[in-house]
Amino acid sequence: MNTTEADNAELAGAFWQALYSRDWQKVAGFFDDASHYEDVPAPDRGADGARAITGRLRIGLESIDAYRHECERIVAQGDVVVTEHTEHWSWSSGEQVSLPFVSVQVIAEGRIRLWRDYWNLATLLDGAPGWWLEHIMQFDVDDFERLADGVPPPSSIPATGDTPGN
């Protein structure tokens, strides 16, 4: 691995640390106006620019009670970094899901310019609580940038074991 590839792998590792610490300001610093993020199986087109990417991430992750990241491997070749990892999500209402990912990131000028996440939508839909799915589905790409500074909490979160719609 040459210096550029090592630097790119290190940048990706630092990004994952910031994301799983929910350090939203630091997360935004890994992107710029030319950046694009896409959850490939999701129905929307993704987010463009640092603020919209941060807002989109916050929509899904802020109302998760806890999440843990298991990184299997990070591989860099040229400006492309591939991360194989699993995210373990837990909600305050008791549901849990382990979601395997492959993330592909293209690094340019010290920023993540393209980030695509590949995961199984059915795994998430089968494990996530109905209230959370309703919460995230109320937002669309036009909301992402405006929510970079914070997302309104879900209107109601059922107590543990009381999960209508799931």
C-alpha atoms as a PDB file:
ATOM      1  CA  MET A   1       0.000   0.000   0.000  1.00  0.00           C
ATOM      2  CA  ASN A   2       1.572   3.321  -0.990  1.00  0.00           C
ATOM      3  CA  THR A   3       1.391   6.470   1.133  1.00  0.00           C
ATOM      4  CA  THR A   4      -1.769   7.743  -0.566  1.00  0.00           C
ATOM      5  CA  GLU A   5      -3.588   4.471   0.010  1.00  0.00           C
ATOM      6  CA  ALA A   6      -2.446   4.339   3.644  1.00  0.00           C
ATOM      7  CA  ASP A   7      -3.618   7.933   4.143  1.00  0.00           C
ATOM      8  CA  ASN A   8      -6.979   7.143   2.555  1.00  0.00           C
ATOM      9  CA  ALA A   9      -7.474   4.066   4.756  1.00  0.00           C
ATOM     10  CA  GLU A  10      -6.540   6.133   7.817  1.00  0.00           C
ATOM     11  CA  LEU A  11      -9.008   8.862   6.833  1.00  0.00           C
ATOM     12  CA  ALA A  12     -11.787   6.272   6.467  1.00  0.00           C
ATOM     13  CA  GLY A  13     -10.950   4.822   9.880  1.00  0.00           C
ATOM     14  CA  ALA A  14     -11.049   8.284  11.461  1.00  0.00           C
ATOM     15  CA  PHE A  15     -14.398   8.923   9.781  1.00  0.00           C
ATOM     16  CA  TRP A  16     -15.911   5.748  11.263  1.00  0.00           C
ATOM     17  CA  GLN A  17     -14.673   6.768  14.721  1.00  0.00           C
ATOM     18  CA  ALA A  18     -16.310  10.198  14.388  1.00  0.00           C
ATOM     19  CA  LEU A  19     -19.565   8.693  13.096  1.00  0.00           C
ATOM     20  CA  TYR A  20     -19.880   6.145  15.898  1.00  0.00           C
ATOM     21  CA  SER A  21     -19.072   8.843  18.448  1.00  0.00           C
ATOM     22  CA  ARG A  22     -21.896  10.914  16.917  1.00  0.00           C
ATOM     23  CA  ASP A  23     -19.517  13.838  16.617  1.00  0.00           C
ATOM     24  CA  TRP A  24     -21.594  15.522  13.913  1.00  0.00           C
ATOM     25  CA  GLN A  25     -19.289  18.512  13.476  1.00  0.00           C
ATOM     26  CA  LYS A  26     -16.320  16.224  12.942  1.00  0.00           C
ATOM     27  CA  VAL A  27     -18.372  13.994  10.606  1.00  0.00           C
ATOM     28  CA  ALA A  28     -19.248  17.013   8.443  1.00  0.00           C
ATOM     29  CA  GLY A  29     -15.539  17.847   8.150  1.00  0.00           C
ATOM     30  CA  PHE A  30     -14.904  14.660   6.164  1.00  0.00           C
ATOM     31  CA  PHE A  31     -17.095  15.990   3.330  1.00  0.00           C
ATOM     32  CA  ASP A  32     -17.358  19.113   1.186  1.00  0.00           C
ATOM     33  CA  ASP A  33     -19.860  20.583  -1.278  1.00  0.00           C
ATOM     34  CA  ALA A  34     -18.802  18.087  -3.966  1.00  0.00           C
ATOM     35  CA  SER A  35     -19.464  15.033  -1.745  1.00  0.00           C
ATOM     36  CA  HIS A  36     -22.296  12.552  -2.299  1.00  0.00           C
ATOM     37  CA  TYR A  37     -23.623   9.894   0.107  1.00  0.00           C
ATOM     38  CA  GLU A  38     -26.033   7.139  -0.850  1.00  0.00           C
ATOM     39  CA  ASP A  39     -27.597   4.208   0.988  1.00  0.00           C
ATOM     40  CA  VAL A  40     -27.944   2.082  -2.134  1.00  0.00           C
ATOM     41  CA  PRO A  41     -31.024   0.070  -1.035  1.00  0.00           C
ATOM     42  CA  ALA A  42     -32.855   3.146   0.310  1.00  0.00           C
ATOM     43  CA  PRO A  43     -35.602   4.721  -1.798  1.00  0.00           C
ATOM     44  CA  ASP A  44     -34.113   8.239  -1.907  1.00  0.00           C
ATOM     45  CA  ARG A  45     -31.268   9.464  -4.119  1.00  0.00           C
ATOM     46  CA  GLY A  46     -28.956  10.207  -1.199  1.00  0.00           C
ATOM     47  CA  ALA A  47     -27.444  13.471  -0.056  1.00  0.00           C
ATOM     48  CA  ASP A  48     -25.111  16.021  -1.665  1.00  0.00           C
ATOM     49  CA  GLY A  49     -22.731  18.234   0.301  1.00  0.00           C
ATOM     50  CA  ALA A  50     -21.445  18.092   3.865  1.00  0.00           C
ATOM     51  CA  ARG A  51     -24.527  19.627   5.541  1.00  0.00           C
ATOM     52  CA  ALA A  52     -27.054  17.446   3.709  1.00  0.00           C
ATOM     53  CA  ILE A  53     -24.998  14.296   4.368  1.00  0.00           C
ATOM     54  CA  THR A  54     -24.781  15.146   8.069  1.00  0.00           C
ATOM     55  CA  GLY A  55     -28.530  15.828   8.213  1.00  0.00           C
ATOM     56  CA  ARG A  56     -29.350  12.550   6.508  1.00  0.00           C
ATOM     57  CA  LEU A  57     -27.147  10.619   8.937  1.00  0.00           C
ATOM     58  CA  ARG A  58     -28.707  12.356  11.929  1.00  0.00           C
ATOM     59  CA  ILE A  59     -32.233  11.462  10.771  1.00  0.00           C
ATOM     60  CA  GLY A  60     -31.483   7.761  11.015  1.00  0.00           C
ATOM     61  CA  LEU A  61     -29.017   7.647  13.869  1.00  0.00           C
ATOM     62  CA  GLU A  62     -30.074  10.226  16.455  1.00  0.00           C
ATOM     63  CA  SER A  63     -33.141   8.296  17.604  1.00  0.00           C
ATOM     64  CA  ILE A  64     -31.217   5.037  17.965  1.00  0.00           C
ATOM     65  CA  ASP A  65     -30.535   4.511  21.650  1.00  0.00           C
ATOM     66  CA  ALA A  66     -27.174   2.801  21.127  1.00  0.00           C
ATOM     67  CA  TYR A  67     -25.100   1.515  18.302  1.00  0.00           C
ATOM     68  CA  ARG A  68     -21.853  -0.317  18.028  1.00  0.00           C
ATOM     69  CA  HIS A  69     -19.509  -0.733  15.092  1.00  0.00           C
ATOM     70  CA  GLU A  70     -17.538  -3.884  14.257  1.00  0.00           C
ATOM     71  CA  CYS A  71     -15.027  -3.251  11.511  1.00  0.00           C
ATOM     72  CA  GLU A  72     -13.939  -6.425   9.744  1.00  0.00           C
ATOM     73  CA  ARG A  73     -11.523  -4.819   7.312  1.00  0.00           C
ATOM     74  CA  ILE A  74     -10.630  -1.626   5.497  1.00  0.00           C
ATOM     75  CA  VAL A  75      -9.018  -2.021   2.079  1.00  0.00           C
ATOM     76  CA  ALA A  76      -7.640   0.870   0.044  1.00  0.00           C
ATOM     77  CA  GLN A  77      -6.634   0.866  -3.591  1.00  0.00           C
ATOM     78  CA  GLY A  78      -5.789   4.198  -5.148  1.00  0.00           C
ATOM     79  CA  ASP A  79      -8.478   6.685  -4.135  1.00  0.00           C
ATOM     80  CA  VAL A  80     -11.054   3.987  -3.253  1.00  0.00           C
ATOM     81  CA  VAL A  81     -11.552   2.659   0.273  1.00  0.00           C
ATOM     82  CA  VAL A  82     -13.797  -0.339   0.954  1.00  0.00           C
ATOM     83  CA  THR A  83     -14.907  -1.092   4.504  1.00  0.00           C
ATOM     84  CA  GLU A  84     -16.586  -4.361   5.481  1.00  0.00           C
ATOM     85  CA  HIS A  85     -18.354  -3.842   8.783  1.00  0.00           C
ATOM     86  CA  THR A  86     -21.400  -4.575  10.909  1.00  0.00           C
ATOM     87  CA  GLU A  87     -23.459  -2.033  12.798  1.00  0.00           C
ATOM     88  CA  HIS A  88     -25.388  -3.196  15.866  1.00  0.00           C
ATOM     89  CA  TRP A  89     -28.352  -0.891  16.528  1.00  0.00           C
ATOM     90  CA  SER A  90     -30.531  -0.816  19.679  1.00  0.00           C
ATOM     91  CA  TRP A  91     -33.655   1.236  20.279  1.00  0.00           C
ATOM     92  CA  SER A  92     -35.033   2.331  23.649  1.00  0.00           C
ATOM     93  CA  SER A  93     -38.177   0.301  22.925  1.00  0.00           C
ATOM     94  CA  GLY A  94     -36.099  -2.902  23.053  1.00  0.00           C
ATOM     95  CA  GLU A  95     -35.545  -3.812  19.398  1.00  0.00           C
ATOM     96  CA  GLN A  96     -32.070  -4.663  18.156  1.00  0.00           C
ATOM     97  CA  VAL A  97     -30.643  -5.335  14.726  1.00  0.00           C
ATOM     98  CA  SER A  98     -27.215  -6.293  13.419  1.00  0.00           C
ATOM     99  CA  LEU A  99     -26.752  -4.845   9.958  1.00  0.00           C
ATOM    100  CA  PRO A 100     -23.797  -5.987   7.810  1.00  0.00           C
ATOM    101  CA  PHE A 101     -22.457  -3.317   5.443  1.00  0.00           C
ATOM    102  CA  VAL A 102     -19.988  -2.876   2.652  1.00  0.00           C
ATOM    103  CA  SER A 103     -19.107   0.797   2.317  1.00  0.00           C
ATOM    104  CA  VAL A 104     -17.288   2.162  -0.713  1.00  0.00           C
ATOM    105  CA  GLN A 105     -15.717   5.600  -0.406  1.00  0.00           C
ATOM    106  CA  VAL A 106     -13.781   7.632  -2.944  1.00  0.00           C
ATOM    107  CA  ILE A 107     -11.298  10.025  -1.340  1.00  0.00           C
ATOM    108  CA  ALA A 108     -10.064  13.191  -3.079  1.00  0.00           C
ATOM    109  CA  GLU A 109      -8.114  16.089  -1.598  1.00  0.00           C
ATOM    110  CA  GLY A 110      -8.555  14.754   1.932  1.00  0.00           C
ATOM    111  CA  ARG A 111     -12.363  14.540   1.703  1.00  0.00           C
ATOM    112  CA  ILE A 112     -14.833  11.727   1.089  1.00  0.00           C
ATOM    113  CA  ARG A 113     -16.263  12.684  -2.300  1.00  0.00           C
ATOM    114  CA  LEU A 114     -18.404   9.596  -2.840  1.00  0.00           C
ATOM    115  CA  TRP A 115     -19.764   7.216  -0.219  1.00  0.00           C
ATOM    116  CA  ARG A 116     -22.069   4.340  -1.054  1.00  0.00           C
ATOM    117  CA  ASP A 117     -23.364   1.932   1.577  1.00  0.00           C
ATOM    118  CA  TYR A 118     -24.532  -1.528   0.527  1.00  0.00           C
ATOM    119  CA  TRP A 119     -26.706  -3.432   3.019  1.00  0.00           C
ATOM    120  CA  ASN A 120     -29.853  -5.564   3.141  1.00  0.00           C
ATOM    121  CA  LEU A 121     -32.997  -3.452   3.491  1.00  0.00           C
ATOM    122  CA  ALA A 122     -35.032  -6.470   4.671  1.00  0.00           C
ATOM    123  CA  THR A 123     -32.666  -6.977   7.625  1.00  0.00           C
ATOM    124  CA  LEU A 124     -33.299  -3.409   8.782  1.00  0.00           C
ATOM    125  CA  LEU A 125     -37.062  -3.487   8.129  1.00  0.00           C
ATOM    126  CA  ASP A 126     -37.434  -6.814   9.976  1.00  0.00           C
ATOM    127  CA  GLY A 127     -35.566  -5.585  13.068  1.00  0.00           C
ATOM    128  CA  ALA A 128     -36.366  -1.886  13.414  1.00  0.00           C
ATOM    129  CA  PRO A 129     -39.352  -0.661  15.418  1.00  0.00           C
ATOM    130  CA  GLY A 130     -42.338   0.678  13.495  1.00  0.00           C
ATOM    131  CA  TRP A 131     -42.175   4.064  15.251  1.00  0.00           C
ATOM    132  CA  TRP A 132     -38.575   4.565  14.053  1.00  0.00           C
ATOM    133  CA  LEU A 133     -39.448   3.660  10.458  1.00  0.00           C
ATOM    134  CA  GLU A 134     -42.344   6.137  10.562  1.00  0.00           C
ATOM    135  CA  HIS A 135     -40.008   8.775  11.996  1.00  0.00           C
ATOM    136  CA  ILE A 136     -37.334   8.475   9.303  1.00  0.00           C
ATOM    137  CA  MET A 137     -39.853   8.207   6.466  1.00  0.00           C
ATOM    138  CA  GLN A 138     -41.311  11.640   7.249  1.00  0.00           C
ATOM    139  CA  PHE A 139     -38.156  13.281   5.862  1.00  0.00           C
ATOM    140  CA  ASP A 140     -36.900  13.490   2.286  1.00  0.00           C
ATOM    141  CA  VAL A 141     -33.898  14.887   0.403  1.00  0.00           C
ATOM    142  CA  ASP A 142     -35.255  18.430   0.669  1.00  0.00           C
ATOM    143  CA  ASP A 143     -34.980  18.170   4.481  1.00  0.00           C
ATOM    144  CA  PHE A 144     -31.441  16.824   4.751  1.00  0.00           C
ATOM    145  CA  GLU A 145     -29.463  20.086   4.727  1.00  0.00           C
ATOM    146  CA  ARG A 146     -31.820  21.886   7.105  1.00  0.00           C
ATOM    147  CA  LEU A 147     -31.517  19.011   9.618  1.00  0.00           C
ATOM    148  CA  ALA A 148     -27.707  19.085   9.779  1.00  0.00           C
ATOM    149  CA  ASP A 149     -27.911  20.933  13.107  1.00  0.00           C
ATOM    150  CA  GLY A 150     -30.414  18.537  14.658  1.00  0.00           C
ATOM    151  CA  VAL A 151     -33.447  16.396  14.001  1.00  0.00           C
ATOM    152  CA  PRO A 152     -36.733  16.689  15.882  1.00  0.00           C
ATOM    153  CA  PRO A 153     -37.235  13.625  18.087  1.00  0.00           C
ATOM    154  CA  PRO A 154     -39.830  11.032  17.135  1.00  0.00           C
ATOM    155  CA  SER A 155     -43.328  12.108  18.151  1.00  0.00           C
ATOM    156  CA  SER A 156     -43.771   9.017  20.300  1.00  0.00           C
ATOM    157  CA  ILE A 157     -41.519   6.194  21.358  1.00  0.00           C
ATOM    158  CA  PRO A 158     -43.329   3.219  22.886  1.00  0.00           C
ATOM    159  CA  ALA A 159     -42.077   1.688  26.108  1.00  0.00           C
ATOM    160  CA  THR A 160     -39.980  -1.473  25.842  1.00  0.00           C
ATOM    161  CA  GLY A 161     -42.064  -4.356  24.565  1.00  0.00           C
ATOM    162  CA  ASP A 162     -44.905  -2.069  23.412  1.00  0.00           C
ATOM    163  CA  THR A 163     -44.039  -1.762  19.722  1.00  0.00           C
ATOM    164  CA  PRO A 164     -47.090  -1.278  17.550  1.00  0.00           C
ATOM    165  CA  GLY A 165     -46.453  -1.866  13.867  1.00  0.00           C
ATOM    166  CA  ASN A 166     -43.553  -4.201  14.446  1.00  0.00           C
END
